[in-house]
Amino acid sequence: MIFLENKGDEVIPGTYRHYKGNDYEVMGIATNRQTMKEDIVVLRALQDSGEFKKGSLCYCVRERFFQKIPVSGGREVARFVRIGW
């Protein structure tokens, strides 16, 4: 599998894999109406998971979308990795 590199904190529409293994389509970026500051990444689940049904819309705050997550062995992985267009 080829992982496509994101440029910095630019959210590029396409298919992303969450570090737990589920795939999501990035639908776009929304702005929090209350703060008008916080960008929110809007996602669509591409398969059923314990959290979301296939086709469900969900979101992730942009800052969190790009977070590195500690995993076993003391290493860190990206929360979301782009895997396709």
N, C-alpha and C. Protein backbone atom coordinates (compact mmCIF):
# COMPACT_ATOMS: atom_id res chain seq x y z
N MET A 1 0.85 -1.17 0.00
CA MET A 1 0.00 0.00 0.00
C MET A 1 0.89 1.23 0.00
N ILE A 2 0.52 2.20 -0.81
CA ILE A 2 1.24 3.46 -0.90
C ILE A 2 0.49 4.51 -0.10
N PHE A 3 1.17 5.17 0.80
CA PHE A 3 0.58 6.27 1.56
C PHE A 3 1.00 7.57 0.91
N LEU A 4 0.05 8.45 0.69
CA LEU A 4 0.31 9.73 0.04
C LEU A 4 0.63 10.77 1.10
N GLU A 5 1.70 11.49 0.89
CA GLU A 5 2.15 12.46 1.89
C GLU A 5 1.32 13.73 1.85
N ASN A 6 0.87 14.18 3.01
CA ASN A 6 0.20 15.47 3.12
C ASN A 6 1.25 16.54 3.28
N LYS A 7 1.01 17.69 2.74
CA LYS A 7 1.94 18.82 2.84
C LYS A 7 1.60 19.64 4.08
N GLY A 8 2.37 19.50 5.13
CA GLY A 8 2.14 20.27 6.36
C GLY A 8 0.79 19.98 6.95
N ASP A 9 0.02 21.03 7.19
CA ASP A 9 -1.31 20.83 7.78
C ASP A 9 -2.41 21.10 6.76
N GLU A 10 -2.11 20.89 5.48
CA GLU A 10 -3.10 21.06 4.42
C GLU A 10 -3.97 19.80 4.36
N VAL A 11 -5.27 19.99 4.44
CA VAL A 11 -6.20 18.87 4.34
C VAL A 11 -6.61 18.74 2.88
N ILE A 12 -6.20 17.67 2.26
CA ILE A 12 -6.49 17.42 0.85
C ILE A 12 -7.65 16.43 0.78
N PRO A 13 -8.73 16.76 0.05
CA PRO A 13 -9.82 15.80 -0.07
C PRO A 13 -9.32 14.46 -0.61
N GLY A 14 -9.91 13.39 -0.12
CA GLY A 14 -9.52 12.05 -0.55
C GLY A 14 -9.84 11.04 0.52
N THR A 15 -9.26 9.87 0.38
CA THR A 15 -9.48 8.78 1.33
C THR A 15 -8.34 8.76 2.34
N TYR A 16 -8.71 8.66 3.60
CA TYR A 16 -7.74 8.62 4.69
C TYR A 16 -7.98 7.40 5.56
N ARG A 17 -6.91 6.87 6.12
CA ARG A 17 -7.01 5.76 7.07
C ARG A 17 -6.69 6.28 8.46
N HIS A 18 -7.61 6.01 9.39
CA HIS A 18 -7.40 6.33 10.80
C HIS A 18 -6.39 5.34 11.36
N TYR A 19 -5.64 5.75 12.34
CA TYR A 19 -4.58 4.88 12.87
C TYR A 19 -5.12 3.58 13.44
N LYS A 20 -6.42 3.50 13.76
CA LYS A 20 -7.02 2.25 14.25
C LYS A 20 -7.48 1.35 13.09
N GLY A 21 -7.35 1.84 11.83
CA GLY A 21 -7.61 0.98 10.68
C GLY A 21 -8.84 1.30 9.84
N ASN A 22 -9.73 2.16 10.31
CA ASN A 22 -10.92 2.48 9.55
C ASN A 22 -10.63 3.54 8.49
N ASP A 23 -11.33 3.45 7.36
CA ASP A 23 -11.13 4.39 6.26
C ASP A 23 -12.26 5.41 6.21
N TYR A 24 -11.88 6.65 5.86
CA TYR A 24 -12.83 7.76 5.80
C TYR A 24 -12.55 8.58 4.56
N GLU A 25 -13.59 9.18 4.01
CA GLU A 25 -13.43 10.13 2.92
C GLU A 25 -13.51 11.53 3.50
N VAL A 26 -12.51 12.35 3.23
CA VAL A 26 -12.56 13.75 3.66
C VAL A 26 -13.48 14.48 2.69
N MET A 27 -14.57 15.02 3.23
CA MET A 27 -15.57 15.71 2.43
C MET A 27 -15.21 17.19 2.26
N GLY A 28 -14.53 17.76 3.23
CA GLY A 28 -14.14 19.16 3.17
C GLY A 28 -13.84 19.71 4.54
N ILE A 29 -13.68 21.02 4.59
CA ILE A 29 -13.37 21.72 5.83
C ILE A 29 -14.55 22.63 6.17
N ALA A 30 -14.94 22.62 7.42
CA ALA A 30 -16.00 23.51 7.91
C ALA A 30 -15.40 24.40 8.99
N THR A 31 -16.07 25.50 9.28
CA THR A 31 -15.62 26.41 10.33
C THR A 31 -16.62 26.36 11.47
N ASN A 32 -16.10 26.33 12.68
CA ASN A 32 -16.95 26.35 13.87
C ASN A 32 -17.68 27.69 13.92
N ARG A 33 -18.98 27.67 13.82
CA ARG A 33 -19.77 28.91 13.79
C ARG A 33 -19.67 29.70 15.09
N GLN A 34 -19.45 29.01 16.19
CA GLN A 34 -19.42 29.70 17.48
C GLN A 34 -18.13 30.49 17.66
N THR A 35 -17.02 29.90 17.25
CA THR A 35 -15.73 30.58 17.45
C THR A 35 -15.22 31.26 16.18
N MET A 36 -15.68 30.80 15.03
CA MET A 36 -15.22 31.28 13.72
C MET A 36 -13.70 31.14 13.58
N LYS A 37 -13.11 30.29 14.39
CA LYS A 37 -11.66 30.10 14.37
C LYS A 37 -11.29 28.66 14.05
N GLU A 38 -11.97 27.74 14.68
CA GLU A 38 -11.56 26.34 14.65
C GLU A 38 -12.03 25.66 13.37
N ASP A 39 -11.09 25.21 12.55
CA ASP A 39 -11.44 24.47 11.35
C ASP A 39 -11.76 23.03 11.74
N ILE A 40 -12.77 22.50 11.08
CA ILE A 40 -13.24 21.14 11.37
C ILE A 40 -13.19 20.34 10.07
N VAL A 41 -12.56 19.17 10.12
CA VAL A 41 -12.49 18.28 8.96
C VAL A 41 -13.74 17.41 8.98
N VAL A 42 -14.52 17.47 7.89
CA VAL A 42 -15.75 16.68 7.78
C VAL A 42 -15.42 15.39 7.04
N LEU A 43 -15.78 14.27 7.66
CA LEU A 43 -15.44 12.94 7.16
C LEU A 43 -16.69 12.10 6.92
N ARG A 44 -16.60 11.15 6.00
CA ARG A 44 -17.66 10.17 5.79
C ARG A 44 -17.04 8.79 5.97
N ALA A 45 -17.65 7.98 6.86
CA ALA A 45 -17.16 6.63 7.13
C ALA A 45 -17.35 5.76 5.89
N LEU A 46 -16.32 5.03 5.50
CA LEU A 46 -16.39 4.18 4.31
C LEU A 46 -16.73 2.73 4.63
N GLN A 47 -16.82 2.40 5.92
CA GLN A 47 -17.27 1.07 6.32
C GLN A 47 -17.82 1.15 7.73
N ASP A 48 -18.57 0.16 8.12
CA ASP A 48 -19.08 0.10 9.49
C ASP A 48 -17.91 -0.10 10.45
N SER A 49 -18.01 0.55 11.58
CA SER A 49 -17.01 0.36 12.63
C SER A 49 -17.75 0.35 13.96
N GLY A 50 -17.04 0.20 15.04
CA GLY A 50 -17.66 0.23 16.35
C GLY A 50 -18.22 1.61 16.68
N GLU A 51 -17.73 2.64 16.00
CA GLU A 51 -18.15 4.01 16.28
C GLU A 51 -19.16 4.55 15.29
N PHE A 52 -19.00 4.22 14.00
CA PHE A 52 -19.83 4.82 12.95
C PHE A 52 -20.31 3.76 11.97
N LYS A 53 -21.50 4.00 11.42
CA LYS A 53 -22.00 3.15 10.35
C LYS A 53 -21.47 3.67 9.01
N LYS A 54 -21.34 2.77 8.04
CA LYS A 54 -20.90 3.16 6.71
C LYS A 54 -21.79 4.30 6.19
N GLY A 55 -21.15 5.34 5.67
CA GLY A 55 -21.86 6.48 5.13
C GLY A 55 -22.15 7.59 6.13
N SER A 56 -21.94 7.32 7.42
CA SER A 56 -22.17 8.34 8.45
C SER A 56 -21.18 9.49 8.30
N LEU A 57 -21.67 10.69 8.56
CA LEU A 57 -20.78 11.85 8.58
C LEU A 57 -20.30 12.08 10.00
N CYS A 58 -19.06 12.45 10.13
CA CYS A 58 -18.49 12.76 11.44
C CYS A 58 -17.47 13.88 11.21
N TYR A 59 -16.86 14.34 12.28
CA TYR A 59 -15.88 15.41 12.13
C TYR A 59 -14.72 15.21 13.08
N CYS A 60 -13.64 15.89 12.76
CA CYS A 60 -12.46 15.91 13.60
C CYS A 60 -11.89 17.32 13.52
N VAL A 61 -11.63 17.91 14.67
CA VAL A 61 -11.01 19.23 14.69
C VAL A 61 -9.67 19.14 13.95
N ARG A 62 -9.40 20.12 13.10
CA ARG A 62 -8.20 20.11 12.25
C ARG A 62 -6.93 19.82 13.05
N GLU A 63 -6.76 20.48 14.17
CA GLU A 63 -5.56 20.28 15.00
C GLU A 63 -5.43 18.81 15.41
N ARG A 64 -6.53 18.21 15.79
CA ARG A 64 -6.54 16.80 16.20
C ARG A 64 -6.31 15.87 15.00
N PHE A 65 -6.83 16.25 13.84
CA PHE A 65 -6.69 15.47 12.61
C PHE A 65 -5.22 15.20 12.32
N PHE A 66 -4.35 16.18 12.60
CA PHE A 66 -2.93 16.07 12.30
C PHE A 66 -2.08 15.61 13.48
N GLN A 67 -2.70 15.28 14.59
CA GLN A 67 -1.94 14.85 15.77
C GLN A 67 -1.18 13.55 15.52
N LYS A 68 -0.07 13.43 16.21
CA LYS A 68 0.67 12.17 16.27
C LYS A 68 0.18 11.42 17.51
N ILE A 69 -0.03 10.12 17.36
CA ILE A 69 -0.57 9.29 18.43
C ILE A 69 0.50 8.30 18.88
N PRO A 70 0.79 8.24 20.20
CA PRO A 70 1.75 7.25 20.68
C PRO A 70 1.16 5.84 20.59
N VAL A 71 1.94 4.91 20.06
CA VAL A 71 1.51 3.51 19.97
C VAL A 71 2.56 2.64 20.63
N SER A 72 2.31 1.35 20.66
CA SER A 72 3.24 0.43 21.32
C SER A 72 4.63 0.54 20.71
N GLY A 73 5.60 0.28 21.53
CA GLY A 73 6.99 0.35 21.09
C GLY A 73 7.59 1.73 21.19
N GLY A 74 6.84 2.68 21.78
CA GLY A 74 7.36 4.02 21.98
C GLY A 74 7.39 4.88 20.73
N ARG A 75 6.75 4.44 19.66
CA ARG A 75 6.75 5.26 18.46
C ARG A 75 5.43 6.03 18.32
N GLU A 76 5.41 6.99 17.40
CA GLU A 76 4.21 7.78 17.15
C GLU A 76 3.79 7.61 15.69
N VAL A 77 2.47 7.61 15.48
CA VAL A 77 1.93 7.53 14.12
C VAL A 77 0.93 8.66 13.93
N ALA A 78 0.69 9.01 12.69
CA ALA A 78 -0.30 10.04 12.38
C ALA A 78 -1.70 9.51 12.67
N ARG A 79 -2.57 10.37 13.21
CA ARG A 79 -3.96 9.96 13.47
C ARG A 79 -4.64 9.56 12.16
N PHE A 80 -4.45 10.34 11.09
CA PHE A 80 -5.00 10.04 9.77
C PHE A 80 -3.89 10.10 8.73
N VAL A 81 -3.90 9.15 7.81
CA VAL A 81 -2.93 9.11 6.71
C VAL A 81 -3.73 9.02 5.41
N ARG A 82 -3.40 9.87 4.45
CA ARG A 82 -4.09 9.85 3.16
C ARG A 82 -3.64 8.64 2.37
N ILE A 83 -4.61 7.85 1.88
CA ILE A 83 -4.29 6.63 1.14
C ILE A 83 -4.82 6.64 -0.28
N GLY A 84 -5.59 7.65 -0.64
CA GLY A 84 -6.12 7.69 -2.00
C GLY A 84 -6.81 8.99 -2.30
N TRP A 85 -7.19 9.13 -3.55
CA TRP A 85 -7.84 10.35 -4.01
C TRP A 85 -9.26 10.27 -3.74
